[in-house]
N, C-alpha and C. Protein backbone atom coordinates (compact mmCIF):
# COMPACT_ATOMS: atom_id res chain seq x y z
N MET A 1 0.86 -1.18 -0.01
CA MET A 1 0.01 0.01 0.01
C MET A 1 0.92 1.23 0.02
N SER A 2 0.71 2.06 -0.98
CA SER A 2 1.54 3.28 -1.00
C SER A 2 0.65 4.47 -0.56
N LYS A 3 1.34 5.48 -0.07
CA LYS A 3 0.66 6.70 0.34
C LYS A 3 1.29 7.84 -0.39
N LYS A 4 0.49 8.81 -0.74
CA LYS A 4 1.00 10.00 -1.42
C LYS A 4 1.24 11.11 -0.41
N TRP A 5 2.38 11.75 -0.58
CA TRP A 5 2.77 12.87 0.26
C TRP A 5 3.00 14.09 -0.61
N ALA A 6 2.48 15.21 -0.23
CA ALA A 6 2.86 16.46 -0.90
C ALA A 6 4.31 16.74 -0.50
N LEU A 7 5.07 17.34 -1.40
CA LEU A 7 6.47 17.55 -1.16
C LEU A 7 6.73 18.29 0.17
N GLN A 8 5.97 19.34 0.45
CA GLN A 8 6.18 20.09 1.69
C GLN A 8 5.91 19.25 2.90
N ASP A 9 4.91 18.35 2.84
CA ASP A 9 4.58 17.45 3.96
C ASP A 9 5.71 16.40 4.13
N ALA A 10 6.21 15.88 2.99
CA ALA A 10 7.24 14.88 3.06
C ALA A 10 8.50 15.46 3.64
N LYS A 11 8.81 16.72 3.31
CA LYS A 11 9.98 17.36 3.87
C LYS A 11 9.83 17.57 5.37
N ALA A 12 8.66 17.99 5.78
CA ALA A 12 8.43 18.25 7.21
C ALA A 12 8.38 16.99 8.04
N GLN A 13 7.96 15.89 7.43
CA GLN A 13 7.81 14.65 8.16
C GLN A 13 8.66 13.50 7.54
N PHE A 14 9.87 13.87 7.16
CA PHE A 14 10.68 12.90 6.41
C PHE A 14 10.94 11.60 7.19
N SER A 15 11.20 11.69 8.45
CA SER A 15 11.42 10.45 9.24
C SER A 15 10.20 9.55 9.21
N GLU A 16 9.02 10.13 9.20
CA GLU A 16 7.77 9.34 9.11
C GLU A 16 7.63 8.71 7.71
N VAL A 17 8.02 9.44 6.68
CA VAL A 17 7.99 8.90 5.32
C VAL A 17 8.89 7.72 5.22
N VAL A 18 10.10 7.81 5.78
CA VAL A 18 11.04 6.73 5.76
C VAL A 18 10.57 5.54 6.56
N ARG A 19 10.03 5.81 7.74
CA ARG A 19 9.48 4.74 8.58
C ARG A 19 8.38 3.97 7.82
N ARG A 20 7.47 4.69 7.21
CA ARG A 20 6.37 4.04 6.45
C ARG A 20 6.87 3.32 5.25
N ALA A 21 7.90 3.84 4.59
CA ALA A 21 8.47 3.16 3.43
C ALA A 21 9.02 1.79 3.86
N THR A 22 9.56 1.73 5.08
CA THR A 22 10.12 0.51 5.58
C THR A 22 9.04 -0.48 6.00
N SER A 23 7.97 0.06 6.63
CA SER A 23 6.95 -0.82 7.18
C SER A 23 5.74 -1.06 6.29
N GLN A 24 5.39 -0.07 5.45
CA GLN A 24 4.18 -0.14 4.64
C GLN A 24 4.40 -0.22 3.13
N GLY A 25 5.61 0.03 2.72
CA GLY A 25 5.86 -0.04 1.28
C GLY A 25 6.17 1.33 0.69
N PRO A 26 6.28 1.44 -0.60
CA PRO A 26 6.67 2.68 -1.27
C PRO A 26 5.79 3.86 -0.92
N GLN A 27 6.43 5.00 -0.75
CA GLN A 27 5.74 6.27 -0.44
C GLN A 27 5.93 7.24 -1.61
N VAL A 28 4.88 7.71 -2.18
CA VAL A 28 4.97 8.57 -3.37
C VAL A 28 4.98 10.04 -2.93
N VAL A 29 5.91 10.79 -3.48
CA VAL A 29 6.00 12.23 -3.18
C VAL A 29 5.55 13.00 -4.41
N THR A 30 4.62 13.91 -4.18
CA THR A 30 4.07 14.67 -5.31
C THR A 30 4.50 16.13 -5.20
N TYR A 31 4.57 16.76 -6.35
CA TYR A 31 4.90 18.20 -6.43
C TYR A 31 3.88 18.81 -7.35
N ARG A 32 3.10 19.73 -6.81
CA ARG A 32 2.02 20.37 -7.56
C ARG A 32 1.06 19.34 -8.14
N GLY A 33 0.78 18.29 -7.35
CA GLY A 33 -0.19 17.27 -7.71
C GLY A 33 0.32 16.20 -8.72
N VAL A 34 1.59 16.27 -9.05
CA VAL A 34 2.17 15.31 -9.98
C VAL A 34 3.18 14.41 -9.25
N ASP A 35 3.06 13.11 -9.47
CA ASP A 35 4.00 12.20 -8.86
C ASP A 35 5.43 12.54 -9.34
N ARG A 36 6.32 12.79 -8.38
CA ARG A 36 7.72 13.16 -8.74
C ARG A 36 8.77 12.20 -8.22
N ALA A 37 8.49 11.55 -7.09
CA ALA A 37 9.53 10.66 -6.52
C ALA A 37 8.83 9.59 -5.69
N VAL A 38 9.58 8.50 -5.43
CA VAL A 38 9.08 7.44 -4.62
C VAL A 38 10.16 7.09 -3.59
N VAL A 39 9.77 7.03 -2.34
CA VAL A 39 10.71 6.64 -1.27
C VAL A 39 10.43 5.17 -0.96
N ILE A 40 11.51 4.34 -1.08
CA ILE A 40 11.40 2.93 -0.80
C ILE A 40 12.45 2.56 0.24
N SER A 41 12.25 1.41 0.88
CA SER A 41 13.22 0.94 1.86
C SER A 41 14.49 0.51 1.20
N ALA A 42 15.58 0.48 1.95
CA ALA A 42 16.85 0.03 1.42
C ALA A 42 16.76 -1.42 0.97
N GLU A 43 16.02 -2.23 1.70
CA GLU A 43 15.85 -3.64 1.35
C GLU A 43 15.15 -3.79 0.01
N GLU A 44 14.12 -3.00 -0.21
CA GLU A 44 13.40 -3.02 -1.49
C GLU A 44 14.30 -2.53 -2.62
N PHE A 45 15.10 -1.51 -2.36
CA PHE A 45 16.01 -1.00 -3.37
C PHE A 45 17.01 -2.07 -3.78
N ARG A 46 17.58 -2.78 -2.82
CA ARG A 46 18.57 -3.84 -3.11
C ARG A 46 17.89 -4.95 -3.93
N ARG A 47 16.64 -5.25 -3.62
CA ARG A 47 15.91 -6.32 -4.30
C ARG A 47 15.68 -5.92 -5.78
N LEU A 48 15.37 -4.63 -6.01
CA LEU A 48 15.06 -4.17 -7.34
C LEU A 48 16.30 -3.88 -8.22
N LYS A 49 17.40 -3.57 -7.55
CA LYS A 49 18.64 -3.21 -8.26
C LYS A 49 19.25 -4.46 -8.88
N PRO A 50 19.47 -4.45 -10.20
CA PRO A 50 20.06 -5.65 -10.79
C PRO A 50 21.50 -5.88 -10.33
N GLU A 51 21.84 -7.14 -10.18
CA GLU A 51 23.22 -7.46 -9.79
C GLU A 51 24.08 -7.35 -11.04
N ARG A 52 25.15 -6.60 -10.92
CA ARG A 52 26.08 -6.43 -12.05
C ARG A 52 27.42 -6.97 -11.63
N PRO A 53 28.00 -7.82 -12.50
CA PRO A 53 29.33 -8.34 -12.17
C PRO A 53 30.37 -7.24 -12.30
N SER A 54 31.46 -7.39 -11.58
CA SER A 54 32.53 -6.42 -11.69
C SER A 54 33.20 -6.55 -13.03
N PHE A 55 33.97 -5.57 -13.42
CA PHE A 55 34.70 -5.61 -14.69
C PHE A 55 35.68 -6.80 -14.69
N ILE A 56 36.30 -7.07 -13.59
CA ILE A 56 37.22 -8.19 -13.49
C ILE A 56 36.53 -9.51 -13.69
N ASP A 57 35.33 -9.64 -13.08
CA ASP A 57 34.55 -10.88 -13.27
C ASP A 57 34.17 -11.07 -14.71
N VAL A 58 33.84 -9.99 -15.41
CA VAL A 58 33.52 -10.10 -16.83
C VAL A 58 34.73 -10.57 -17.63
N LEU A 59 35.89 -9.95 -17.34
CA LEU A 59 37.11 -10.36 -18.08
C LEU A 59 37.47 -11.82 -17.80
N LEU A 60 37.40 -12.23 -16.53
CA LEU A 60 37.75 -13.60 -16.16
C LEU A 60 36.70 -14.62 -16.59
N GLY A 61 35.53 -14.14 -16.88
CA GLY A 61 34.43 -15.03 -17.26
C GLY A 61 34.38 -15.33 -18.73
N GLY A 62 35.38 -14.86 -19.48
CA GLY A 62 35.41 -15.08 -20.93
C GLY A 62 35.63 -16.53 -21.27
N PRO A 63 35.77 -16.82 -22.53
CA PRO A 63 35.95 -18.19 -22.98
C PRO A 63 37.25 -18.79 -22.43
N LYS A 64 37.20 -20.06 -22.09
CA LYS A 64 38.39 -20.75 -21.62
C LYS A 64 39.12 -21.35 -22.83
N LEU A 65 40.43 -21.16 -22.90
CA LEU A 65 41.22 -21.65 -24.02
C LEU A 65 42.02 -22.86 -23.61
N ASP A 66 42.03 -23.88 -24.44
CA ASP A 66 42.83 -25.06 -24.13
C ASP A 66 44.30 -24.76 -24.45
N ASP A 67 45.19 -25.66 -24.01
CA ASP A 67 46.64 -25.47 -24.17
C ASP A 67 47.06 -25.34 -25.64
N GLN A 68 46.40 -26.09 -26.52
CA GLN A 68 46.76 -26.03 -27.95
C GLN A 68 46.49 -24.64 -28.52
N THR A 69 45.35 -24.10 -28.17
CA THR A 69 44.98 -22.78 -28.68
C THR A 69 45.94 -21.75 -28.13
N VAL A 70 46.27 -21.80 -26.85
CA VAL A 70 47.23 -20.85 -26.27
C VAL A 70 48.57 -20.96 -26.96
N ASP A 71 49.02 -22.19 -27.23
CA ASP A 71 50.32 -22.40 -27.93
C ASP A 71 50.27 -21.79 -29.34
N ALA A 72 49.15 -21.96 -30.04
CA ALA A 72 49.00 -21.44 -31.36
C ALA A 72 49.03 -19.88 -31.34
N ILE A 73 48.41 -19.32 -30.36
CA ILE A 73 48.40 -17.86 -30.25
C ILE A 73 49.82 -17.37 -29.99
N ASN A 74 50.56 -18.06 -29.14
CA ASN A 74 51.92 -17.65 -28.80
C ASN A 74 52.91 -17.83 -29.95
N ARG A 75 52.61 -18.79 -30.88
CA ARG A 75 53.47 -19.02 -32.03
C ARG A 75 53.22 -18.07 -33.18
N ARG A 76 52.19 -17.27 -33.14
CA ARG A 76 51.83 -16.41 -34.27
C ARG A 76 52.93 -15.42 -34.55
N SER A 77 52.95 -14.91 -35.74
CA SER A 77 54.02 -13.97 -36.18
C SER A 77 53.90 -12.66 -35.37
N ARG A 78 55.03 -12.16 -35.03
CA ARG A 78 55.09 -10.87 -34.30
C ARG A 78 55.32 -9.71 -35.30
N ASP A 79 55.35 -10.03 -36.60
CA ASP A 79 55.57 -9.02 -37.61
C ASP A 79 54.38 -8.03 -37.60
N PRO A 80 54.67 -6.75 -37.41
CA PRO A 80 53.57 -5.78 -37.39
C PRO A 80 52.95 -5.44 -38.74
N GLY A 81 53.54 -5.97 -39.81
CA GLY A 81 53.01 -5.68 -41.15
C GLY A 81 53.85 -4.67 -41.87
N ARG A 82 53.37 -4.25 -43.00
CA ARG A 82 54.15 -3.29 -43.81
C ARG A 82 54.05 -1.91 -43.23
N LYS A 83 55.09 -1.12 -43.53
CA LYS A 83 55.13 0.25 -43.10
C LYS A 83 54.37 1.11 -44.10
N ILE A 84 53.57 2.04 -43.61
CA ILE A 84 52.77 2.90 -44.46
C ILE A 84 53.21 4.34 -44.21
N LYS A 85 53.48 5.08 -45.32
CA LYS A 85 53.81 6.47 -45.18
C LYS A 85 52.52 7.28 -45.11
N LEU A 86 52.46 8.12 -44.14
CA LEU A 86 51.27 8.98 -43.97
C LEU A 86 51.58 10.38 -44.27
């Protein structure tokens, strides 16, 4: 169950808005009669926030290469190619 709060009331009673967000669910804050923000509990925020792997986990989670493939990569030519005049 959500409750709507006018911005000035939400500012004046912010601790109550937070308490209700924790116990009763999302609290909607309006400005000039238009929904502008929603206050939710930290638990609800964590539940809604998608888990994102770290950059290191993404890099380490790439394809696994067998020893033959690694040897082939290491044996490739180190020649940078032809020189181009610019």
